[in-house]
C-alpha atoms as a PDB file:
ATOM      1  CA  MET A   1     -27.239  18.902 -44.172  1.00  0.00           C
ATOM      2  CA  THR A   2     -26.145  18.368 -40.584  1.00  0.00           C
ATOM      3  CA  GLY A   3     -22.638  19.475 -39.772  1.00  0.00           C
ATOM      4  CA  SER A   4     -20.069  19.172 -42.499  1.00  0.00           C
ATOM      5  CA  SER A   5     -20.171  15.364 -42.384  1.00  0.00           C
ATOM      6  CA  ASN A   6     -20.901  15.182 -46.120  1.00  0.00           C
ATOM      7  CA  LEU A   7     -17.839  17.309 -46.850  1.00  0.00           C
ATOM      8  CA  SER A   8     -14.335  16.054 -46.260  1.00  0.00           C
ATOM      9  CA  PRO A   9     -11.879  18.219 -44.340  1.00  0.00           C
ATOM     10  CA  GLN A  10      -9.753  18.336 -47.497  1.00  0.00           C
ATOM     11  CA  GLN A  11     -12.682  19.610 -49.573  1.00  0.00           C
ATOM     12  CA  VAL A  12     -13.279  22.402 -47.088  1.00  0.00           C
ATOM     13  CA  SER A  13      -9.588  23.366 -46.928  1.00  0.00           C
ATOM     14  CA  ASP A  14      -9.334  23.282 -50.717  1.00  0.00           C
ATOM     15  CA  ALA A  15     -12.404  25.493 -51.068  1.00  0.00           C
ATOM     16  CA  ILE A  16     -11.000  28.056 -48.642  1.00  0.00           C
ATOM     17  CA  ARG A  17      -7.584  27.985 -50.293  1.00  0.00           C
ATOM     18  CA  ALA A  18      -9.213  28.508 -53.717  1.00  0.00           C
ATOM     19  CA  GLY A  19     -10.619  31.808 -52.444  1.00  0.00           C
ATOM     20  CA  LEU A  20      -7.287  33.079 -51.168  1.00  0.00           C
ATOM     21  CA  PRO A  21      -4.452  34.745 -53.063  1.00  0.00           C
ATOM     22  CA  ASN A  22      -1.570  32.480 -54.057  1.00  0.00           C
ATOM     23  CA  ARG A  23       0.873  33.783 -51.464  1.00  0.00           C
ATOM     24  CA  PRO A  24       2.797  32.109 -48.663  1.00  0.00           C
ATOM     25  CA  ASP A  25       1.330  34.445 -45.996  1.00  0.00           C
ATOM     26  CA  VAL A  26      -2.100  32.797 -46.231  1.00  0.00           C
ATOM     27  CA  GLU A  27      -0.838  29.928 -44.087  1.00  0.00           C
ATOM     28  CA  SER A  28      -0.231  30.155 -40.360  1.00  0.00           C
ATOM     29  CA  SER A  29       1.278  27.914 -37.739  1.00  0.00           C
ATOM     30  CA  ASP A  30      -1.059  25.696 -35.744  1.00  0.00           C
ATOM     31  CA  SER A  31      -0.597  27.767 -32.579  1.00  0.00           C
ATOM     32  CA  GLU A  32      -1.119  31.068 -34.402  1.00  0.00           C
ATOM     33  CA  ALA A  33      -4.175  29.648 -36.168  1.00  0.00           C
ATOM     34  CA  GLU A  34      -5.675  28.403 -32.899  1.00  0.00           C
ATOM     35  CA  GLU A  35      -5.154  31.799 -31.249  1.00  0.00           C
ATOM     36  CA  SER A  36      -6.626  33.604 -34.269  1.00  0.00           C
ATOM     37  CA  ALA A  37      -9.671  31.335 -34.359  1.00  0.00           C
ATOM     38  CA  VAL A  38     -10.396  32.090 -30.695  1.00  0.00           C
ATOM     39  CA  THR A  39     -10.026  35.827 -31.335  1.00  0.00           C
ATOM     40  CA  TYR A  40     -12.300  35.699 -34.378  1.00  0.00           C
ATOM     41  CA  ARG A  41     -14.964  33.782 -32.460  1.00  0.00           C
ATOM     42  CA  ASP A  42     -14.758  36.244 -29.557  1.00  0.00           C
ATOM     43  CA  ASN A  43     -15.115  39.102 -32.064  1.00  0.00           C
ATOM     44  CA  LEU A  44     -18.064  37.317 -33.657  1.00  0.00           C
ATOM     45  CA  VAL A  45     -19.886  37.199 -30.311  1.00  0.00           C
ATOM     46  CA  HIS A  46     -19.045  40.873 -29.714  1.00  0.00           C
ATOM     47  CA  TYR A  47     -20.366  41.975 -33.118  1.00  0.00           C
ATOM     48  CA  ARG A  48     -23.532  39.912 -32.783  1.00  0.00           C
ATOM     49  CA  GLU A  49     -24.240  41.537 -29.417  1.00  0.00           C
ATOM     50  CA  HIS A  50     -23.769  44.948 -31.027  1.00  0.00           C
ATOM     51  CA  VAL A  51     -26.142  44.056 -33.851  1.00  0.00           C
ATOM     52  CA  ARG A  52     -28.849  43.363 -31.247  1.00  0.00           C
ATOM     53  CA  LYS A  53     -28.087  46.566 -29.321  1.00  0.00           C
ATOM     54  CA  SER A  54     -28.034  48.601 -32.534  1.00  0.00           C
ATOM     55  CA  LEU A  55     -31.375  47.127 -33.604  1.00  0.00           C
ATOM     56  CA  ASP A  56     -32.857  48.099 -30.235  1.00  0.00           C
ATOM     57  CA  ALA A  57     -31.455  51.619 -30.682  1.00  0.00           C
ATOM     58  CA  ARG A  58     -32.654  51.765 -34.325  1.00  0.00           C
ATOM     59  CA  ASP A  59     -29.102  52.597 -35.430  1.00  0.00           C
ATOM     60  CA  TYR A  60     -29.352  50.848 -38.769  1.00  0.00           C
ATOM     61  CA  ARG A  61     -25.950  51.921 -40.052  1.00  0.00           C
ATOM     62  CA  GLN A  62     -24.367  50.178 -37.078  1.00  0.00           C
ATOM     63  CA  VAL A  63     -26.634  47.152 -37.576  1.00  0.00           C
ATOM     64  CA  ALA A  64     -25.239  46.985 -41.100  1.00  0.00           C
ATOM     65  CA  GLU A  65     -21.596  47.373 -40.146  1.00  0.00           C
ATOM     66  CA  LYS A  66     -21.728  45.002 -37.191  1.00  0.00           C
ATOM     67  CA  SER A  67     -23.541  42.389 -39.301  1.00  0.00           C
ATOM     68  CA  TRP A  68     -20.706  42.548 -41.839  1.00  0.00           C
ATOM     69  CA  GLY A  69     -18.200  42.375 -38.974  1.00  0.00           C
ATOM     70  CA  ALA A  70     -19.848  39.289 -37.504  1.00  0.00           C
ATOM     71  CA  TYR A  71     -20.004  37.575 -40.895  1.00  0.00           C
ATOM     72  CA  SER A  72     -16.366  38.340 -41.677  1.00  0.00           C
ATOM     73  CA  GLN A  73     -15.240  36.979 -38.306  1.00  0.00           C
ATOM     74  CA  ALA A  74     -17.182  33.753 -38.871  1.00  0.00           C
ATOM     75  CA  VAL A  75     -15.455  33.217 -42.232  1.00  0.00           C
ATOM     76  CA  LYS A  76     -12.046  34.082 -40.789  1.00  0.00           C
ATOM     77  CA  ALA A  77     -12.573  31.613 -37.913  1.00  0.00           C
ATOM     78  CA  ILE A  78     -13.460  28.802 -40.312  1.00  0.00           C
ATOM     79  CA  ALA A  79     -10.286  29.492 -42.285  1.00  0.00           C
ATOM     80  CA  ALA A  80      -8.153  29.783 -39.136  1.00  0.00           C
ATOM     81  CA  ASP A  81      -9.403  26.357 -38.045  1.00  0.00           C
ATOM     82  CA  ARG A  82      -7.631  25.105 -41.160  1.00  0.00           C
ATOM     83  CA  SER A  83      -4.472  27.173 -40.522  1.00  0.00           C
ATOM     84  CA  LEU A  84      -5.367  29.630 -43.275  1.00  0.00           C
ATOM     85  CA  ARG A  85      -5.558  33.426 -43.040  1.00  0.00           C
ATOM     86  CA  VAL A  86      -8.232  35.572 -44.636  1.00  0.00           C
ATOM     87  CA  ARG A  87      -7.080  39.172 -44.528  1.00  0.00           C
ATOM     88  CA  SER A  88      -9.066  41.295 -46.964  1.00  0.00           C
ATOM     89  CA  HIS A  89     -12.653  42.065 -47.850  1.00  0.00           C
ATOM     90  CA  THR A  90     -12.051  40.579 -51.278  1.00  0.00           C
ATOM     91  CA  SER A  91     -10.712  37.372 -49.759  1.00  0.00           C
ATOM     92  CA  ILE A  92     -13.675  37.134 -47.377  1.00  0.00           C
ATOM     93  CA  LEU A  93     -16.014  37.270 -50.354  1.00  0.00           C
ATOM     94  CA  ARG A  94     -13.968  34.871 -52.480  1.00  0.00           C
ATOM     95  CA  VAL A  95     -13.661  32.337 -49.672  1.00  0.00           C
ATOM     96  CA  SER A  96     -17.395  32.723 -49.032  1.00  0.00           C
ATOM     97  CA  GLU A  97     -18.139  32.064 -52.708  1.00  0.00           C
ATOM     98  CA  GLN A  98     -16.063  28.889 -52.556  1.00  0.00           C
ATOM     99  CA  LEU A  99     -17.819  27.698 -49.398  1.00  0.00           C
ATOM    100  CA  VAL A 100     -21.213  28.470 -50.955  1.00  0.00           C
ATOM    101  CA  ALA A 101     -20.267  26.440 -54.032  1.00  0.00           C
ATOM    102  CA  LEU A 102     -19.017  23.545 -51.920  1.00  0.00           C
ATOM    103  CA  VAL A 103     -22.124  23.463 -49.733  1.00  0.00           C
ATOM    104  CA  SER A 104     -24.444  23.946 -52.733  1.00  0.00           C
ATOM    105  CA  SER A 105     -23.007  20.863 -54.412  1.00  0.00           C
ATOM    106  CA  ALA A 106     -24.117  18.746 -51.427  1.00  0.00           C
ATOM    107  CA  ASP A 107     -27.217  20.700 -50.342  1.00  0.00           C
ATOM    108  CA  PRO A 108     -28.635  23.400 -52.656  1.00  0.00           C
ATOM    109  CA  VAL A 109     -31.017  24.745 -49.995  1.00  0.00           C
ATOM    110  CA  SER A 110     -28.204  25.344 -47.504  1.00  0.00           C
ATOM    111  CA  GLY A 111     -26.047  26.736 -50.292  1.00  0.00           C
ATOM    112  CA  SER A 112     -28.790  29.214 -51.185  1.00  0.00           C
ATOM    113  CA  LEU A 113     -29.130  30.315 -47.558  1.00  0.00           C
ATOM    114  CA  LEU A 114     -25.365  30.876 -47.350  1.00  0.00           C
ATOM    115  CA  ASP A 115     -25.345  32.752 -50.663  1.00  0.00           C
ATOM    116  CA  ASN A 116     -28.152  35.027 -49.460  1.00  0.00           C
ATOM    117  CA  GLY A 117     -26.314  35.658 -46.197  1.00  0.00           C
ATOM    118  CA  MET A 118     -23.038  36.430 -47.950  1.00  0.00           C
ATOM    119  CA  ASN A 119     -24.703  38.844 -50.367  1.00  0.00           C
ATOM    120  CA  SER A 120     -26.646  40.447 -47.541  1.00  0.00           C
ATOM    121  CA  ALA A 121     -23.466  40.920 -45.499  1.00  0.00           C
ATOM    122  CA  HIS A 122     -21.744  42.538 -48.458  1.00  0.00           C
ATOM    123  CA  SER A 123     -24.650  44.875 -49.190  1.00  0.00           C
ATOM    124  CA  LEU A 124     -24.831  45.853 -45.514  1.00  0.00           C
ATOM    125  CA  HIS A 125     -21.143  46.695 -45.512  1.00  0.00           C
ATOM    126  CA  ILE A 126     -21.738  48.990 -48.478  1.00  0.00           C
ATOM    127  CA  HIS A 127     -24.800  50.473 -46.741  1.00  0.00           C
ATOM    128  CA  PHE A 128     -22.649  51.556 -43.802  1.00  0.00           C
ATOM    129  CA  TYR A 129     -20.793  53.924 -46.135  1.00  0.00           C
ATOM    130  CA  GLU A 130     -23.602  54.857 -48.523  1.00  0.00           C
ATOM    131  CA  ASN A 131     -26.598  54.813 -46.138  1.00  0.00           C
ATOM    132  CA  ASP A 132     -28.725  53.793 -49.122  1.00  0.00           C
ATOM    133  CA  LEU A 133     -31.044  51.048 -47.813  1.00  0.00           C
ATOM    134  CA  PRO A 134     -34.415  51.364 -46.089  1.00  0.00           C
ATOM    135  CA  ASP A 135     -34.393  50.393 -42.415  1.00  0.00           C
ATOM    136  CA  GLU A 136     -36.646  47.395 -43.123  1.00  0.00           C
ATOM    137  CA  THR A 137     -34.180  46.102 -45.705  1.00  0.00           C
ATOM    138  CA  VAL A 138     -31.284  46.466 -43.268  1.00  0.00           C
ATOM    139  CA  THR A 139     -33.242  44.493 -40.666  1.00  0.00           C
ATOM    140  CA  ARG A 140     -34.192  41.758 -43.141  1.00  0.00           C
ATOM    141  CA  ARG A 141     -30.618  41.448 -44.428  1.00  0.00           C
ATOM    142  CA  ALA A 142     -29.210  41.416 -40.900  1.00  0.00           C
ATOM    143  CA  ASP A 143     -31.523  38.471 -40.207  1.00  0.00           C
ATOM    144  CA  ALA A 144     -30.227  36.733 -43.351  1.00  0.00           C
ATOM    145  CA  VAL A 145     -26.634  37.296 -42.202  1.00  0.00           C
ATOM    146  CA  ALA A 146     -27.432  35.907 -38.741  1.00  0.00           C
ATOM    147  CA  ALA A 147     -29.019  32.805 -40.287  1.00  0.00           C
ATOM    148  CA  ALA A 148     -25.982  32.306 -42.542  1.00  0.00           C
ATOM    149  CA  ILE A 149     -23.599  32.627 -39.593  1.00  0.00           C
ATOM    150  CA  ASP A 150     -25.610  30.052 -37.650  1.00  0.00           C
ATOM    151  CA  LEU A 151     -25.450  27.700 -40.624  1.00  0.00           C
ATOM    152  CA  LEU A 152     -21.714  28.294 -41.131  1.00  0.00           C
ATOM    153  CA  GLN A 153     -21.145  27.393 -37.492  1.00  0.00           C
ATOM    154  CA  GLU A 154     -23.259  24.262 -37.882  1.00  0.00           C
ATOM    155  CA  LEU A 155     -21.586  23.164 -41.124  1.00  0.00           C
ATOM    156  CA  PHE A 156     -18.014  24.039 -40.130  1.00  0.00           C
ATOM    157  CA  PRO A 157     -17.746  23.580 -36.350  1.00  0.00           C
ATOM    158  CA  THR A 158     -14.481  23.855 -34.506  1.00  0.00           C
ATOM    159  CA  GLU A 159     -12.788  20.514 -34.020  1.00  0.00           C
ATOM    160  CA  ALA A 160     -13.548  20.660 -30.296  1.00  0.00           C
ATOM    161  CA  SER A 161     -17.281  21.218 -30.890  1.00  0.00           C
ATOM    162  CA  ALA A 162     -17.413  18.621 -33.677  1.00  0.00           C
ATOM    163  CA  GLU A 163     -16.387  15.840 -31.311  1.00  0.00           C
END
């Protein structure tokens, strides 16, 4: 599956909206959405850099937390591109589930990779607080999150990069 060409913009927006609470504050103006998307993408780059630095330093709790941070920013950016706001951990996961389902319907292999990345991100977020995973597992799941983020960016590019 190359890009989101097999998925209509409406399908993507509907999937994101299905993961959000039914409240008026999930929508934002075009200018606010554009500014938020830029911020989320900047944060994504920042968190990914910190994942690499934390891996080098063998600080696996920070690898876990920064992996979750990067994943959450990727999901928020995709939603912001559609003038939608994702504000909570629950919404990040629900929107992710909807995107996984949408992608899986067109490409089960890509859907499985996204599902693994989403679940890995969630378990790493929990690990930050519980410190309950072996270092090797944290590293493997951080790799799964990175692969999912790369795929999310490929499947749901910004309008400027899609042109």
